[in-house]
Protein backbone atom coordinates (compact mmCIF):
# COMPACT_ATOMS: atom_id res chain seq x y z
CA UNK A 1 -0.13 0.05 -0.26
CA UNK A 2 1.52 3.43 -1.21
CA UNK A 3 1.44 6.08 1.25
CA UNK A 4 0.18 9.58 0.57
CA UNK A 5 2.22 11.67 -1.58
CA UNK A 6 2.85 15.26 -0.69
CA UNK A 7 1.45 18.42 -2.39
CA UNK A 8 3.91 21.04 -3.10
CA UNK A 9 1.95 23.83 -0.12
CA UNK A 10 2.30 20.48 1.62
CA UNK A 11 6.02 20.36 1.37
CA UNK A 12 6.36 24.61 1.72
CA UNK A 13 4.05 24.19 5.29
CA UNK A 14 6.59 21.69 6.15
CA UNK A 15 9.95 23.60 4.94
CA UNK A 16 8.43 26.95 6.94
CA UNK A 17 7.98 25.02 10.29
CA UNK A 18 11.30 23.79 10.42
CA UNK A 19 13.72 26.10 12.81
CA UNK A 20 14.64 28.69 11.80
CA UNK A 21 13.16 28.79 8.34
CA UNK A 22 12.31 31.57 6.40
CA UNK A 23 10.58 31.64 2.50
CA UNK A 24 11.92 34.09 -0.51
CA UNK A 25 10.95 34.15 -4.13
CA UNK A 26 13.20 34.74 -6.68
CA UNK A 27 14.52 34.26 -10.22
CA UNK A 28 11.17 34.63 -11.44
CA UNK A 29 8.89 32.43 -10.10
CA UNK A 30 10.53 30.20 -6.79
CA UNK A 31 9.65 29.73 -3.47
CA UNK A 32 13.64 29.45 -2.08
CA UNK A 33 13.32 28.47 1.72
CA UNK A 34 16.54 28.84 3.94
CA UNK A 35 18.09 29.01 7.03
CA UNK A 36 20.48 31.51 8.42
CA UNK A 37 19.56 34.53 6.36
CA UNK A 38 20.62 33.09 2.84
CA UNK A 39 21.44 29.51 2.84
CA UNK A 40 19.26 27.19 1.23
CA UNK A 41 17.96 24.03 1.96
CA UNK A 42 15.02 23.58 -0.48
CA UNK A 43 14.28 25.46 -3.90
CA UNK A 44 9.63 24.94 -4.89
CA UNK A 45 9.05 25.90 -8.60
CA UNK A 46 5.96 27.69 -8.50
CA UNK A 47 4.70 26.63 -11.97
CA UNK A 48 5.16 22.90 -10.59
CA UNK A 49 7.87 22.35 -12.54
CA UNK A 50 9.78 20.83 -9.57
CA UNK A 51 11.15 20.47 -5.94
CA UNK A 52 14.83 20.06 -5.14
CA UNK A 53 16.98 20.17 -2.31
CA UNK A 54 19.82 19.24 -0.62
CA UNK A 55 21.36 15.22 0.46
CA UNK A 56 23.98 13.70 2.74
CA UNK A 57 27.01 13.59 -0.70
CA UNK A 58 27.04 9.43 0.04
CA UNK A 59 23.18 8.63 -0.68
CA UNK A 60 22.97 11.70 -3.73
CA UNK A 61 23.72 8.77 -6.78
CA UNK A 62 21.42 6.12 -5.12
CA UNK A 63 18.75 8.92 -4.76
CA UNK A 64 19.64 9.77 -8.52
CA UNK A 65 18.90 5.86 -9.51
CA UNK A 66 15.09 6.07 -8.68
CA UNK A 67 12.52 6.25 -11.05
CA UNK A 68 11.56 10.36 -11.10
CA UNK A 69 14.60 12.32 -9.43
CA UNK A 70 16.96 13.42 -11.12
CA UNK A 71 20.27 15.34 -10.41
CA UNK A 72 19.18 19.08 -10.20
CA UNK A 73 20.06 21.27 -12.56
CA UNK A 74 22.52 24.18 -11.14
CA UNK A 75 22.72 22.37 -7.52
CA UNK A 76 24.25 18.53 -8.74
CA UNK A 77 28.08 19.38 -7.92
CA UNK A 78 26.43 20.49 -4.54
CA UNK A 79 24.56 17.38 -3.96
CA UNK A 80 21.34 18.26 -4.69
CA UNK A 81 17.80 16.24 -6.35
CA UNK A 82 15.20 17.13 -8.32
CA UNK A 83 11.81 15.76 -8.33
CA UNK A 84 9.11 16.99 -10.16
CA UNK A 85 4.86 16.40 -8.83
CA UNK A 86 3.56 13.51 -8.40
CA UNK A 87 6.56 13.24 -6.22
CA UNK A 88 7.88 9.97 -6.22
CA UNK A 89 8.36 9.21 -2.40
CA UNK A 90 5.37 8.96 0.37
CA UNK A 91 5.12 11.63 3.25
CA UNK A 92 7.18 10.12 5.54
CA UNK A 93 10.44 9.82 3.09
CA UNK A 94 10.23 13.11 1.84
CA UNK A 95 9.52 14.77 4.85
CA UNK A 96 12.62 13.29 6.91
CA UNK A 97 14.69 14.31 3.88
CA UNK A 98 13.42 17.46 4.41
CA UNK A 99 14.55 17.94 7.58
CA UNK A 100 18.22 16.17 6.85
CA UNK A 101 18.54 18.59 4.30
CA UNK A 102 18.01 21.16 6.73
CA UNK A 103 20.21 20.17 9.37
CA UNK A 104 23.09 19.56 6.79
CA UNK A 105 22.86 23.11 5.66
CA UNK A 106 23.01 23.77 9.29
CA UNK A 107 25.67 22.16 10.32
CA UNK A 108 27.62 24.18 8.15
CA UNK A 109 26.75 27.19 9.91
CA UNK A 110 29.43 28.56 12.44
CA UNK A 111 28.84 27.26 15.49
CA UNK A 112 27.09 30.73 17.08
CA UNK A 113 24.54 30.56 14.00
CA UNK A 114 23.78 27.06 14.98
CA UNK A 115 22.04 27.51 18.28
CA UNK A 116 18.48 26.52 17.88
CA UNK A 117 18.58 25.26 14.85
CA UNK A 118 20.16 22.03 15.31
CA UNK A 119 17.84 19.47 15.90
CA UNK A 120 18.60 15.83 17.71
């Protein structure tokens, strides 16, 4: 039985509930979710063309091999993946990956900026 898939609006709401997350609109119709001012952890195309976010280096190629997931344009070298709706994974897996993306970005911040943003 497949788990329900998330809509782009549900993805946006989830991202905004992560510690310190904020949203900006850039590049003529892209919702950018970032932390600590300008450190992006997820990007959502307003035209519905896709969702992109960072994954751990060691998981990048494995995700790119899955149907419906590809290296993110312009961000692949930073180990970002991209997918179009309906997203090719269930709600639990997608939320876990978005939270991990947030945490990967937070862990690269200076220690003084990580306070209150790191999760268990």
